[in-house]
Amino acid sequence: MDTKISKLILTLTIIGIISAIALSFVYQWTTPYIEKHQVEARKEALRDVIPQAQEYEEVERSGQTFYEGYDSGGNRTGVAMIASGPGYQNIIELMIGVNMNSQQIYGIKILTHEETPGLGARITGDAYKENYVDKPFGDYKVVKREPQSELEVEAIAGATISSESVAKIVENAVEQIQDAYGGGA
């Protein structure tokens, strides 16, 4: 009986070691592809949230990473950052682009989320993201009807928590950008 247990333990140990080595090789092989995809996704998000920019520069201010967009003349056209916060299911991560001169949001792009498919996941849709295009800086109120003021954001039907979460993340991101850039141009 002891030899059967010893053989079982030895077999499981060998399988465990082989699996760990295989997993390590797969991780090392896929990591560059994953990193390349993340860089491309960030570039695409930057084009979406600062559409006027021709080139982008990553800068660090106040311990935060920001992306400054510049036009062909070298003038800064906007500032973007990646922000995150709790959603209904898990963390929502988004990129926001702002125009510091006009104190308006260019737009947002949801990068990652785990919101409910068919409900909260609609935060990634163009109709919802349009809520923030050219929106002035401020404290946003999520409403369940068509917005009647510039600081109102229309909630997604059946997903008020996700809508409120995104609004809060956007408000916090705008505050961080204003703190880092002095609230103006």
C-alpha atoms as a PDB file:
ATOM      1  CA  MET A   1       0.000   0.000   0.000  1.00  0.00           C
ATOM      2  CA  ASP A   2       2.862   2.391   0.824  1.00  0.00           C
ATOM      3  CA  THR A   3       4.449   1.865  -2.598  1.00  0.00           C
ATOM      4  CA  LYS A   4       1.154   2.749  -4.322  1.00  0.00           C
ATOM      5  CA  ILE A   5       0.930   6.004  -2.355  1.00  0.00           C
ATOM      6  CA  SER A   6       4.577   6.782  -3.044  1.00  0.00           C
ATOM      7  CA  LYS A   7       4.076   6.180  -6.787  1.00  0.00           C
ATOM      8  CA  LEU A   8       0.952   8.350  -6.730  1.00  0.00           C
ATOM      9  CA  ILE A   9       2.780  11.173  -4.954  1.00  0.00           C
ATOM     10  CA  LEU A  10       5.734  10.900  -7.342  1.00  0.00           C
ATOM     11  CA  THR A  11       3.426  10.905 -10.389  1.00  0.00           C
ATOM     12  CA  LEU A  12       1.490  13.931  -9.149  1.00  0.00           C
ATOM     13  CA  THR A  13       4.731  15.756  -8.336  1.00  0.00           C
ATOM     14  CA  ILE A  14       6.124  15.121 -11.824  1.00  0.00           C
ATOM     15  CA  ILE A  15       2.848  16.239 -13.433  1.00  0.00           C
ATOM     16  CA  GLY A  16       2.876  19.369 -11.258  1.00  0.00           C
ATOM     17  CA  ILE A  17       6.467  20.227 -12.212  1.00  0.00           C
ATOM     18  CA  ILE A  18       5.838  19.649 -15.927  1.00  0.00           C
ATOM     19  CA  SER A  19       2.667  21.758 -15.753  1.00  0.00           C
ATOM     20  CA  ALA A  20       4.475  24.594 -13.967  1.00  0.00           C
ATOM     21  CA  ILE A  21       7.290  24.587 -16.546  1.00  0.00           C
ATOM     22  CA  ALA A  22       4.799  24.528 -19.431  1.00  0.00           C
ATOM     23  CA  LEU A  23       2.782  27.368 -17.881  1.00  0.00           C
ATOM     24  CA  SER A  24       5.975  29.382 -17.397  1.00  0.00           C
ATOM     25  CA  PHE A  25       6.921  28.993 -21.066  1.00  0.00           C
ATOM     26  CA  VAL A  26       3.413  29.935 -22.227  1.00  0.00           C
ATOM     27  CA  TYR A  27       3.478  33.015 -19.977  1.00  0.00           C
ATOM     28  CA  GLN A  28       6.880  34.105 -21.306  1.00  0.00           C
ATOM     29  CA  TRP A  29       5.771  33.497 -24.891  1.00  0.00           C
ATOM     30  CA  THR A  30       2.469  35.413 -24.606  1.00  0.00           C
ATOM     31  CA  THR A  31       3.624  38.371 -22.463  1.00  0.00           C
ATOM     32  CA  PRO A  32       5.111  40.403 -25.362  1.00  0.00           C
ATOM     33  CA  TYR A  33       1.928  39.907 -27.415  1.00  0.00           C
ATOM     34  CA  ILE A  34      -0.249  40.987 -24.500  1.00  0.00           C
ATOM     35  CA  GLU A  35       1.903  44.070 -23.863  1.00  0.00           C
ATOM     36  CA  LYS A  36       1.828  44.977 -27.574  1.00  0.00           C
ATOM     37  CA  HIS A  37      -1.966  44.650 -27.584  1.00  0.00           C
ATOM     38  CA  GLN A  38      -2.229  46.883 -24.489  1.00  0.00           C
ATOM     39  CA  VAL A  39      -0.064  49.559 -26.141  1.00  0.00           C
ATOM     40  CA  GLU A  40      -2.217  49.449 -29.291  1.00  0.00           C
ATOM     41  CA  ALA A  41      -5.419  49.623 -27.231  1.00  0.00           C
ATOM     42  CA  ARG A  42      -4.063  52.662 -25.356  1.00  0.00           C
ATOM     43  CA  LYS A  43      -3.133  54.374 -28.650  1.00  0.00           C
ATOM     44  CA  GLU A  44      -6.607  53.715 -30.036  1.00  0.00           C
ATOM     45  CA  ALA A  45      -8.200  55.049 -26.850  1.00  0.00           C
ATOM     46  CA  LEU A  46      -6.044  58.187 -27.062  1.00  0.00           C
ATOM     47  CA  ARG A  47      -7.194  58.778 -30.644  1.00  0.00           C
ATOM     48  CA  ASP A  48     -10.791  58.409 -29.443  1.00  0.00           C
ATOM     49  CA  VAL A  49     -10.562  60.749 -26.447  1.00  0.00           C
ATOM     50  CA  ILE A  50      -8.285  63.446 -27.942  1.00  0.00           C
ATOM     51  CA  PRO A  51      -9.261  63.302 -31.616  1.00  0.00           C
ATOM     52  CA  GLN A  52      -7.605  66.628 -32.509  1.00  0.00           C
ATOM     53  CA  ALA A  53      -4.120  65.420 -31.546  1.00  0.00           C
ATOM     54  CA  GLN A  54      -1.568  64.271 -34.105  1.00  0.00           C
ATOM     55  CA  GLU A  55       0.917  62.937 -31.547  1.00  0.00           C
ATOM     56  CA  TYR A  56       0.917  62.021 -27.884  1.00  0.00           C
ATOM     57  CA  GLU A  57       3.395  62.229 -25.065  1.00  0.00           C
ATOM     58  CA  GLU A  58       3.252  60.332 -21.772  1.00  0.00           C
ATOM     59  CA  VAL A  59       4.048  62.616 -18.825  1.00  0.00           C
ATOM     60  CA  GLU A  60       4.083  62.222 -15.080  1.00  0.00           C
ATOM     61  CA  ARG A  61       2.623  64.918 -12.838  1.00  0.00           C
ATOM     62  CA  SER A  62       1.624  64.771  -9.195  1.00  0.00           C
ATOM     63  CA  GLY A  63       2.454  61.061  -9.125  1.00  0.00           C
ATOM     64  CA  GLN A  64      -0.015  60.318 -11.949  1.00  0.00           C
ATOM     65  CA  THR A  65       0.542  59.342 -15.573  1.00  0.00           C
ATOM     66  CA  PHE A  66      -1.102  61.615 -18.124  1.00  0.00           C
ATOM     67  CA  TYR A  67      -1.085  61.656 -21.905  1.00  0.00           C
ATOM     68  CA  GLU A  68      -0.765  65.031 -23.574  1.00  0.00           C
ATOM     69  CA  GLY A  69      -2.011  65.372 -27.141  1.00  0.00           C
ATOM     70  CA  TYR A  70      -0.353  67.802 -29.546  1.00  0.00           C
ATOM     71  CA  ASP A  71      -1.425  69.115 -32.951  1.00  0.00           C
ATOM     72  CA  SER A  72       0.915  69.299 -35.959  1.00  0.00           C
ATOM     73  CA  GLY A  73       2.173  72.696 -34.751  1.00  0.00           C
ATOM     74  CA  GLY A  74       3.262  71.313 -31.385  1.00  0.00           C
ATOM     75  CA  ASN A  75       0.409  72.945 -29.467  1.00  0.00           C
ATOM     76  CA  ARG A  76      -1.168  70.935 -26.681  1.00  0.00           C
ATOM     77  CA  THR A  77      -4.727  70.119 -27.711  1.00  0.00           C
ATOM     78  CA  GLY A  78      -5.743  67.996 -24.762  1.00  0.00           C
ATOM     79  CA  VAL A  79      -4.863  65.858 -21.786  1.00  0.00           C
ATOM     80  CA  ALA A  80      -5.933  62.286 -21.160  1.00  0.00           C
ATOM     81  CA  MET A  81      -5.596  59.852 -18.311  1.00  0.00           C
ATOM     82  CA  ILE A  82      -6.631  56.352 -17.363  1.00  0.00           C
ATOM     83  CA  ALA A  83      -8.984  56.302 -14.382  1.00  0.00           C
ATOM     84  CA  SER A  84     -10.792  53.528 -12.567  1.00  0.00           C
ATOM     85  CA  GLY A  85     -13.327  52.938  -9.859  1.00  0.00           C
ATOM     86  CA  PRO A  86     -15.862  50.427  -8.601  1.00  0.00           C
ATOM     87  CA  GLY A  87     -18.753  49.459 -10.839  1.00  0.00           C
ATOM     88  CA  TYR A  88     -21.720  47.186 -10.188  1.00  0.00           C
ATOM     89  CA  GLN A  89     -19.753  43.954 -10.718  1.00  0.00           C
ATOM     90  CA  ASN A  90     -16.107  44.965 -10.449  1.00  0.00           C
ATOM     91  CA  ILE A  91     -13.642  47.726 -11.349  1.00  0.00           C
ATOM     92  CA  ILE A  92     -14.380  49.897 -14.386  1.00  0.00           C
ATOM     93  CA  GLU A  93     -11.322  51.331 -16.111  1.00  0.00           C
ATOM     94  CA  LEU A  94     -11.677  54.121 -18.631  1.00  0.00           C
ATOM     95  CA  MET A  95      -9.671  56.718 -20.466  1.00  0.00           C
ATOM     96  CA  ILE A  96     -10.855  60.314 -20.452  1.00  0.00           C
ATOM     97  CA  GLY A  97      -9.650  63.144 -22.661  1.00  0.00           C
ATOM     98  CA  VAL A  98     -10.177  66.792 -21.775  1.00  0.00           C
ATOM     99  CA  ASN A  99      -9.633  70.232 -23.230  1.00  0.00           C
ATOM    100  CA  MET A 100      -8.086  72.308 -20.448  1.00  0.00           C
ATOM    101  CA  ASN A 101      -8.652  75.579 -22.356  1.00  0.00           C
ATOM    102  CA  SER A 102     -12.415  75.204 -22.659  1.00  0.00           C
ATOM    103  CA  GLN A 103     -12.756  73.110 -19.470  1.00  0.00           C
ATOM    104  CA  GLN A 104     -14.651  70.420 -21.381  1.00  0.00           C
ATOM    105  CA  ILE A 105     -14.441  66.689 -21.835  1.00  0.00           C
ATOM    106  CA  TYR A 106     -13.543  65.530 -25.341  1.00  0.00           C
ATOM    107  CA  GLY A 107     -14.790  62.034 -24.623  1.00  0.00           C
ATOM    108  CA  ILE A 108     -14.362  58.798 -22.720  1.00  0.00           C
ATOM    109  CA  LYS A 109     -13.493  55.240 -23.712  1.00  0.00           C
ATOM    110  CA  ILE A 110     -14.173  52.258 -21.473  1.00  0.00           C
ATOM    111  CA  LEU A 111     -11.034  50.113 -21.380  1.00  0.00           C
ATOM    112  CA  THR A 112     -12.087  47.263 -19.084  1.00  0.00           C
ATOM    113  CA  HIS A 113     -15.178  46.326 -17.120  1.00  0.00           C
ATOM    114  CA  GLU A 114     -17.124  43.334 -15.864  1.00  0.00           C
ATOM    115  CA  GLU A 115     -20.575  44.874 -15.865  1.00  0.00           C
ATOM    116  CA  THR A 116     -23.666  42.778 -16.579  1.00  0.00           C
ATOM    117  CA  PRO A 117     -23.877  41.825 -20.280  1.00  0.00           C
ATOM    118  CA  GLY A 118     -26.834  43.501 -21.977  1.00  0.00           C
ATOM    119  CA  LEU A 119     -27.301  45.987 -19.120  1.00  0.00           C
ATOM    120  CA  GLY A 120     -24.319  47.664 -17.477  1.00  0.00           C
ATOM    121  CA  ALA A 121     -22.045  46.534 -20.300  1.00  0.00           C
ATOM    122  CA  ARG A 122     -23.817  49.108 -22.477  1.00  0.00           C
ATOM    123  CA  ILE A 123     -21.485  51.719 -20.935  1.00  0.00           C
ATOM    124  CA  THR A 124     -19.185  50.793 -23.830  1.00  0.00           C
ATOM    125  CA  GLY A 125     -21.773  51.813 -26.429  1.00  0.00           C
ATOM    126  CA  ASP A 126     -21.486  55.000 -28.450  1.00  0.00           C
ATOM    127  CA  ALA A 127     -24.904  56.220 -27.287  1.00  0.00           C
ATOM    128  CA  TYR A 128     -23.811  56.202 -23.651  1.00  0.00           C
ATOM    129  CA  LYS A 129     -20.322  57.587 -24.284  1.00  0.00           C
ATOM    130  CA  GLU A 130     -21.889  60.506 -26.200  1.00  0.00           C
ATOM    131  CA  ASN A 131     -23.228  61.691 -22.809  1.00  0.00           C
ATOM    132  CA  TYR A 132     -19.735  62.982 -22.059  1.00  0.00           C
ATOM    133  CA  VAL A 133     -18.706  64.514 -25.389  1.00  0.00           C
ATOM    134  CA  ASP A 134     -18.140  68.279 -24.949  1.00  0.00           C
ATOM    135  CA  LYS A 135     -19.505  68.059 -21.394  1.00  0.00           C
ATOM    136  CA  PRO A 136     -18.253  70.907 -19.164  1.00  0.00           C
ATOM    137  CA  PHE A 137     -16.308  70.049 -16.035  1.00  0.00           C
ATOM    138  CA  GLY A 138     -18.526  69.709 -12.974  1.00  0.00           C
ATOM    139  CA  ASP A 139     -20.521  67.431 -10.715  1.00  0.00           C
ATOM    140  CA  TYR A 140     -22.681  65.215 -12.871  1.00  0.00           C
ATOM    141  CA  LYS A 141     -26.164  64.082 -12.044  1.00  0.00           C
ATOM    142  CA  VAL A 142     -27.312  60.776 -13.517  1.00  0.00           C
ATOM    143  CA  VAL A 143     -30.931  60.992 -14.654  1.00  0.00           C
ATOM    144  CA  LYS A 144     -33.380  58.429 -16.040  1.00  0.00           C
ATOM    145  CA  ARG A 145     -34.655  60.758 -18.749  1.00  0.00           C
ATOM    146  CA  GLU A 146     -33.148  62.855 -21.484  1.00  0.00           C
ATOM    147  CA  PRO A 147     -30.699  65.359 -19.931  1.00  0.00           C
ATOM    148  CA  GLN A 148     -32.052  68.879 -19.540  1.00  0.00           C
ATOM    149  CA  SER A 149     -28.857  70.549 -18.340  1.00  0.00           C
ATOM    150  CA  GLU A 150     -25.201  70.326 -19.281  1.00  0.00           C
ATOM    151  CA  LEU A 151     -24.326  68.543 -16.047  1.00  0.00           C
ATOM    152  CA  GLU A 152     -26.900  65.771 -16.447  1.00  0.00           C
ATOM    153  CA  VAL A 153     -25.983  62.362 -17.815  1.00  0.00           C
ATOM    154  CA  GLU A 154     -28.633  59.946 -19.057  1.00  0.00           C
ATOM    155  CA  ALA A 155     -28.504  56.579 -17.283  1.00  0.00           C
ATOM    156  CA  ILE A 156     -28.613  53.304 -19.118  1.00  0.00           C
ATOM    157  CA  ALA A 157     -32.039  51.721 -18.551  1.00  0.00           C
ATOM    158  CA  GLY A 158     -31.710  48.997 -15.937  1.00  0.00           C
ATOM    159  CA  ALA A 159     -28.099  49.902 -15.169  1.00  0.00           C
ATOM    160  CA  THR A 160     -28.210  53.001 -13.003  1.00  0.00           C
ATOM    161  CA  ILE A 161     -25.357  51.800 -10.772  1.00  0.00           C
ATOM    162  CA  SER A 162     -23.021  51.341 -13.753  1.00  0.00           C
ATOM    163  CA  SER A 163     -24.024  54.768 -15.103  1.00  0.00           C
ATOM    164  CA  GLU A 164     -23.446  56.433 -11.723  1.00  0.00           C
ATOM    165  CA  SER A 165     -20.118  54.631 -11.341  1.00  0.00           C
ATOM    166  CA  VAL A 166     -18.841  55.948 -14.670  1.00  0.00           C
ATOM    167  CA  ALA A 167     -20.010  59.478 -13.794  1.00  0.00           C
ATOM    168  CA  LYS A 168     -18.113  59.307 -10.489  1.00  0.00           C
ATOM    169  CA  ILE A 169     -14.959  57.980 -12.172  1.00  0.00           C
ATOM    170  CA  VAL A 170     -15.155  60.810 -14.728  1.00  0.00           C
ATOM    171  CA  GLU A 171     -15.648  63.449 -11.999  1.00  0.00           C
ATOM    172  CA  ASN A 172     -12.650  62.116 -10.049  1.00  0.00           C
ATOM    173  CA  ALA A 173     -10.492  61.991 -13.173  1.00  0.00           C
ATOM    174  CA  VAL A 174     -11.350  65.596 -14.070  1.00  0.00           C
ATOM    175  CA  GLU A 175     -10.413  66.662 -10.520  1.00  0.00           C
ATOM    176  CA  GLN A 176      -7.070  64.856 -10.777  1.00  0.00           C
ATOM    177  CA  ILE A 177      -6.327  66.452 -14.149  1.00  0.00           C
ATOM    178  CA  GLN A 178      -7.250  69.896 -12.841  1.00  0.00           C
ATOM    179  CA  ASP A 179      -5.072  69.385  -9.756  1.00  0.00           C
ATOM    180  CA  ALA A 180      -2.115  68.325 -11.889  1.00  0.00           C
ATOM    181  CA  TYR A 181      -2.529  71.037 -14.534  1.00  0.00           C
ATOM    182  CA  GLY A 182      -3.662  73.875 -12.312  1.00  0.00           C
ATOM    183  CA  GLY A 183      -7.256  73.961 -13.503  1.00  0.00           C
ATOM    184  CA  GLY A 184      -6.516  75.832 -16.709  1.00  0.00           C
ATOM    185  CA  ALA A 185      -4.451  75.902 -19.864  1.00  0.00           C
END
